[in-house]
Amino acid sequence: MSIRVALFTETFLPKLDGIVTAIRLTLEHFQRRNVPSLLVAPRMTRDDITRYADTPIVRVPGLRFPLYPELRICWPGRNVRRAIEEFEPTVIHVLEPVMLGLGGLMMARRMGIPTVASFHIDFMQAARYYGLGFVSGFGWALHRVIYNRADYTLGTSMSVVNEMRAHGIRHVGLWRRGVDSERFSPQKRSAKWRERLTNGHPNRVILLYVGRVANEKRINHLHPVVTGIPGVHLSIVGNGPAMPALQKLFAGTPTTFVGYLRGEDLSAAYASADIFVFPSALETFG
């Protein structure tokens, strides 16, 4: 019997983050291998795409998360149940289950479908970073309940795998990753992109940050670097809730806020910079 995979995610396009990138690469891989797949994701805008890499997307309406408006709080309804019944998956993969993913796990158990869950965001470490360390124990207890509902769980690095096992999550394995050496290659280096990354100062040493622009990424720690070392230029690729504060902090410094990049543009940005900088306080796959 051929494999058929249904995936549940708490976030997807048009939002861009590490989880969305992992899903996109997974769906593209399924497309190349002719693996039938179905994606269940929150409804983000009125113009949400309904298909990616030949994978149909079932959108679920929800409420904006007050602390992070780019996220939605939603629960799978009858339309999701009908879609799963019609698709007949052999396995359901839930990515970072919170609400929609937890609903997917419960639905899969009722329907007798094997499940895989994957851990992408260390909310407990994030809570400590924001001065809410007292909720860390409760967070791990909640994670233990949710992830142990899955038949198997994947961590994105061995440190994450070991931490999950230490907190009582069973049947945990490593989701190995790689780098697309054709997409990310020194051959993509471009004089035009050095101009763009530096606002017309291509001879500077380009420090490149790529990722979500949020407080826990500690991009503000790079301020002494760009103000204290002559001849450097910081290029920040990405967007997020900390953008207004950082634009104010870095005003008047050799810093360029590039915004979101993808595809060939992102490849060229990586290849055209000189030093990758990533001062994040917490990452599961840093």
Protein backbone atom coordinates (compact mmCIF):
# COMPACT_ATOMS: atom_id res chain seq x y z
CA MET A 1 0.00 0.00 0.00
CA SER A 2 1.40 3.42 -0.99
CA ILE A 3 1.83 6.12 1.65
CA ARG A 4 -0.61 9.04 1.80
CA VAL A 5 0.25 11.88 4.18
CA ALA A 6 -2.04 14.47 5.74
CA LEU A 7 -0.30 17.33 7.57
CA PHE A 8 -1.70 19.69 10.20
CA THR A 9 0.07 22.99 10.89
CA GLU A 10 -0.64 26.03 13.05
CA THR A 11 0.89 28.33 10.42
CA PHE A 12 1.40 28.48 6.66
CA LEU A 13 1.75 30.89 3.76
CA PRO A 14 1.54 33.83 3.43
CA LYS A 15 3.33 33.77 6.81
CA LEU A 16 7.01 32.94 6.53
CA ASP A 17 8.97 31.22 9.30
CA GLY A 18 10.96 28.07 9.96
CA ILE A 19 7.91 25.82 10.21
CA VAL A 20 6.49 27.14 6.94
CA THR A 21 9.85 26.54 5.26
CA ALA A 22 9.95 22.96 6.56
CA ILE A 23 6.42 22.33 5.26
CA ARG A 24 7.15 23.80 1.84
CA LEU A 25 10.28 21.68 1.44
CA THR A 26 8.37 18.59 2.59
CA LEU A 27 5.52 19.17 0.13
CA GLU A 28 8.00 19.81 -2.70
CA HIS A 29 9.70 16.52 -1.80
CA PHE A 30 6.33 14.72 -1.86
CA GLN A 31 5.65 16.22 -5.28
CA ARG A 32 8.95 14.91 -6.67
CA ARG A 33 8.32 11.45 -5.19
CA ASN A 34 4.65 11.32 -6.27
CA VAL A 35 3.50 10.97 -2.64
CA PRO A 36 -0.17 12.06 -2.29
CA SER A 37 -0.53 14.69 0.45
CA LEU A 38 -3.09 17.00 2.04
CA LEU A 39 -2.39 20.05 4.21
CA VAL A 40 -4.70 21.44 6.92
CA ALA A 41 -3.75 25.02 7.85
CA PRO A 42 -5.30 28.16 9.35
CA ARG A 43 -7.01 30.69 7.14
CA MET A 44 -4.67 33.68 7.17
CA THR A 45 -6.17 36.09 4.58
CA ARG A 46 -9.01 36.23 2.07
CA ASP A 47 -6.56 35.44 -0.71
CA ASP A 48 -4.93 32.35 0.82
CA ILE A 49 -3.58 29.83 -1.66
CA THR A 50 -5.50 26.54 -1.71
CA ARG A 51 -2.76 24.39 -3.25
CA TYR A 52 1.03 24.17 -2.93
CA ALA A 53 3.30 21.80 -4.89
CA ASP A 54 0.25 19.76 -6.02
CA THR A 55 -0.95 19.46 -2.40
CA PRO A 56 -4.52 20.65 -1.71
CA ILE A 57 -4.84 22.92 1.35
CA VAL A 58 -7.86 22.83 3.64
CA ARG A 59 -8.11 26.22 5.36
CA VAL A 60 -9.61 26.54 8.85
CA PRO A 61 -10.96 29.88 10.14
CA GLY A 62 -9.80 31.08 13.53
CA LEU A 63 -9.05 34.02 15.81
CA ARG A 64 -5.91 36.14 15.88
CA PHE A 65 -3.53 35.29 18.70
CA PRO A 66 -3.36 38.53 20.77
CA LEU A 67 0.38 38.29 21.54
CA TYR A 68 1.32 37.46 17.94
CA PRO A 69 -1.25 38.69 15.37
CA GLU A 70 0.37 36.65 12.57
CA LEU A 71 -0.83 33.43 14.28
CA ARG A 72 -4.37 32.03 14.38
CA ILE A 73 -6.16 30.00 17.04
CA CYS A 74 -8.45 27.48 15.37
CA TRP A 75 -9.93 23.99 15.73
CA PRO A 76 -10.63 21.46 12.93
CA GLY A 77 -14.31 21.32 12.06
CA ARG A 78 -16.54 19.12 9.92
CA ASN A 79 -14.93 20.27 6.68
CA VAL A 80 -11.58 18.95 7.90
CA ARG A 81 -13.12 15.64 8.97
CA ARG A 82 -14.75 15.24 5.53
CA ALA A 83 -11.48 16.10 3.78
CA ILE A 84 -9.56 13.53 5.84
CA GLU A 85 -12.18 10.86 5.23
CA GLU A 86 -12.10 11.50 1.47
CA PHE A 87 -8.30 11.64 1.32
CA GLU A 88 -7.83 8.44 3.38
CA PRO A 89 -4.30 9.15 4.69
CA THR A 90 -2.06 6.33 5.86
CA VAL A 91 -0.40 8.70 8.36
CA ILE A 92 -1.11 12.14 9.82
CA HIS A 93 1.82 14.45 10.61
CA VAL A 94 1.16 17.35 12.99
CA LEU A 95 3.76 20.11 13.17
CA GLU A 96 4.13 21.88 16.52
CA PRO A 97 0.60 20.94 17.69
CA VAL A 98 -1.18 23.56 19.77
CA MET A 99 -4.87 23.84 18.85
CA LEU A 100 -5.32 22.81 15.22
CA GLY A 101 -2.61 20.15 15.57
CA LEU A 102 -4.07 18.81 18.81
CA GLY A 103 -7.42 18.55 17.09
CA GLY A 104 -5.71 16.65 14.29
CA LEU A 105 -4.17 14.20 16.77
CA MET A 106 -7.53 13.59 18.43
CA MET A 107 -9.25 13.16 15.06
CA ALA A 108 -6.58 10.70 13.91
CA ARG A 109 -6.97 8.62 17.07
CA ARG A 110 -10.75 8.41 16.62
CA MET A 111 -10.26 7.37 12.99
CA GLY A 112 -7.50 4.86 13.75
CA ILE A 113 -4.85 6.66 11.66
CA PRO A 114 -1.17 6.49 12.76
CA THR A 115 0.34 9.85 13.77
CA VAL A 116 3.69 11.64 13.81
CA ALA A 117 4.27 14.92 15.66
CA SER A 118 7.26 17.24 15.24
CA PHE A 119 8.69 19.74 17.74
CA HIS A 120 9.81 23.07 16.28
CA ILE A 121 9.46 25.84 18.90
CA ASP A 122 10.77 25.70 22.46
CA PHE A 123 7.99 27.69 24.12
CA MET A 124 9.37 26.86 27.57
CA GLN A 125 12.75 28.45 26.82
CA ALA A 126 10.92 31.40 25.25
CA ALA A 127 8.89 31.81 28.45
CA ARG A 128 12.10 31.97 30.50
CA TYR A 129 13.52 34.54 28.11
CA TYR A 130 10.46 36.76 28.57
CA GLY A 131 10.62 36.46 32.37
CA LEU A 132 7.85 33.85 32.57
CA GLY A 133 10.02 30.96 33.67
CA PHE A 134 7.45 29.97 36.29
CA VAL A 135 5.23 28.56 33.50
CA SER A 136 8.01 26.35 32.10
CA GLY A 137 7.07 23.32 34.22
CA PHE A 138 3.42 23.61 33.23
CA GLY A 139 4.48 24.02 29.60
CA TRP A 140 6.46 20.78 29.61
CA ALA A 141 3.58 18.98 31.34
CA LEU A 142 1.24 20.18 28.59
CA HIS A 143 3.72 19.21 25.88
CA ARG A 144 4.08 15.78 27.46
CA VAL A 145 0.32 15.24 27.26
CA ILE A 146 0.04 16.49 23.67
CA TYR A 147 3.10 14.81 22.16
CA ASN A 148 2.49 11.48 23.89
CA ARG A 149 -0.82 11.30 22.04
CA ALA A 150 1.22 10.80 18.85
CA ASP A 151 2.61 7.41 17.89
CA TYR A 152 6.03 8.94 17.18
CA THR A 153 7.62 12.35 17.70
CA LEU A 154 10.42 14.07 15.78
CA GLY A 155 12.89 16.64 17.15
CA THR A 156 14.89 18.88 14.83
CA SER A 157 18.24 18.38 16.60
CA MET A 158 19.76 15.92 19.07
CA SER A 159 19.70 18.53 21.84
CA VAL A 160 15.94 18.87 21.34
CA VAL A 161 15.49 15.09 21.17
CA ASN A 162 17.39 14.65 24.45
CA GLU A 163 15.43 17.44 26.15
CA MET A 164 12.10 15.95 25.10
CA ARG A 165 13.10 12.52 26.39
CA ALA A 166 14.25 14.06 29.67
CA HIS A 167 10.79 15.59 30.13
CA GLY A 168 8.95 12.32 29.64
CA ILE A 169 8.01 12.44 25.96
CA ARG A 170 8.14 8.92 24.57
CA HIS A 171 9.11 7.50 21.16
CA VAL A 172 11.24 10.48 20.05
CA GLY A 173 13.55 10.43 17.03
CA LEU A 174 15.64 12.88 15.01
CA TRP A 175 14.30 14.62 11.90
CA ARG A 176 17.53 14.96 9.94
CA ARG A 177 17.99 17.99 7.72
CA GLY A 178 20.26 19.07 4.90
CA VAL A 179 21.10 22.08 2.76
CA ASP A 180 20.19 22.38 -0.91
CA SER A 181 23.67 22.91 -2.34
CA GLU A 182 22.28 23.97 -5.72
CA ARG A 183 19.98 26.62 -4.28
CA PHE A 184 22.56 27.89 -1.77
CA SER A 185 25.84 28.17 -3.64
CA PRO A 186 28.74 30.65 -3.90
CA GLN A 187 27.89 30.87 -7.60
CA LYS A 188 24.86 33.00 -6.66
CA ARG A 189 27.16 35.83 -5.48
CA SER A 190 26.15 39.07 -7.15
CA ALA A 191 27.53 42.62 -7.30
CA LYS A 192 23.95 43.87 -7.74
CA TRP A 193 22.92 42.18 -4.52
CA ARG A 194 25.88 43.61 -2.61
CA GLU A 195 24.62 47.03 -3.71
CA ARG A 196 21.11 46.22 -2.52
CA LEU A 197 22.20 44.73 0.81
CA THR A 198 24.25 47.83 1.66
CA ASN A 199 22.20 50.66 0.13
CA GLY A 200 24.96 51.30 -2.38
CA HIS A 201 28.08 50.56 -0.31
CA PRO A 202 29.19 47.18 -1.70
CA ASN A 203 32.78 47.47 -0.44
CA ARG A 204 31.72 47.18 3.19
CA VAL A 205 31.90 43.87 5.06
CA ILE A 206 28.31 42.62 4.93
CA LEU A 207 26.90 41.02 8.08
CA LEU A 208 23.77 39.07 7.16
CA TYR A 209 20.91 38.16 9.49
CA VAL A 210 18.09 36.00 8.09
CA GLY A 211 15.06 35.09 10.14
CA ARG A 212 12.04 36.31 12.04
CA VAL A 213 12.45 39.82 13.41
CA ALA A 214 11.37 39.22 17.01
CA ASN A 215 12.72 40.13 20.43
CA GLU A 216 14.00 36.64 21.24
CA LYS A 217 16.25 36.78 18.15
CA ARG A 218 18.29 39.47 19.97
CA ILE A 219 19.10 41.41 16.82
CA ASN A 220 19.57 44.45 19.04
CA HIS A 221 22.80 42.81 20.30
CA LEU A 222 24.31 43.61 16.89
CA HIS A 223 23.96 47.36 17.46
CA PRO A 224 27.37 47.72 19.20
CA VAL A 225 28.95 45.82 16.32
CA VAL A 226 27.72 48.10 13.54
CA THR A 227 28.43 51.24 15.57
CA GLY A 228 31.81 50.15 16.94
CA ILE A 229 33.53 48.43 14.02
CA PRO A 230 34.35 50.60 10.99
CA GLY A 231 33.62 49.29 7.52
CA VAL A 232 30.80 46.83 8.37
CA HIS A 233 27.20 46.87 7.21
CA LEU A 234 24.32 44.88 8.71
CA SER A 235 21.65 43.50 6.38
CA ILE A 236 18.51 42.18 8.05
CA VAL A 237 16.39 39.82 5.95
CA GLY A 238 12.95 39.04 7.35
CA ASN A 239 10.13 40.72 9.17
CA GLY A 240 8.24 40.46 12.44
CA PRO A 241 6.86 42.26 15.49
CA ALA A 242 10.19 43.79 16.58
CA MET A 243 10.69 45.62 13.28
CA PRO A 244 9.53 49.12 14.39
CA ALA A 245 11.71 49.09 17.52
CA LEU A 246 14.75 47.86 15.61
CA GLN A 247 14.31 50.41 12.84
CA LYS A 248 14.34 53.09 15.51
CA LEU A 249 17.37 51.58 17.29
CA PHE A 250 19.45 51.19 14.11
CA ALA A 251 18.46 54.55 12.58
CA GLY A 252 21.58 56.36 11.38
CA THR A 253 23.75 53.21 11.43
CA PRO A 254 25.05 51.20 8.45
CA THR A 255 22.03 48.89 8.48
CA THR A 256 19.63 47.81 5.74
CA PHE A 257 16.21 46.27 6.46
CA VAL A 258 15.70 44.14 3.37
CA GLY A 259 12.36 42.53 4.29
CA TYR A 260 11.19 39.05 3.30
CA LEU A 261 13.15 37.25 0.59
CA ARG A 262 12.58 33.86 -0.99
CA GLY A 263 13.78 31.73 -3.89
CA GLU A 264 16.64 33.02 -6.00
CA ASP A 265 16.66 36.36 -4.16
CA LEU A 266 17.33 34.66 -0.82
CA SER A 267 20.04 32.49 -2.38
CA ALA A 268 21.73 35.57 -3.84
CA ALA A 269 21.57 37.40 -0.51
CA TYR A 270 23.31 34.56 1.32
CA ALA A 271 25.99 34.20 -1.34
CA SER A 272 26.63 37.93 -1.64
CA ALA A 273 27.16 38.61 2.07
CA ASP A 274 30.42 38.05 3.96
CA ILE A 275 29.49 36.94 7.48
CA PHE A 276 26.29 35.27 8.72
CA VAL A 277 25.23 36.58 12.15
CA PHE A 278 22.55 34.93 14.28
CA PRO A 279 22.43 36.09 17.92
CA SER A 280 19.12 34.35 18.76
CA ALA A 281 18.55 33.43 22.41
CA LEU A 282 16.65 30.24 21.64
CA GLU A 283 16.41 27.94 18.64
CA THR A 284 15.46 24.30 18.10
CA PHE A 285 17.40 24.20 14.84
CA GLY A 286 19.85 27.11 15.07
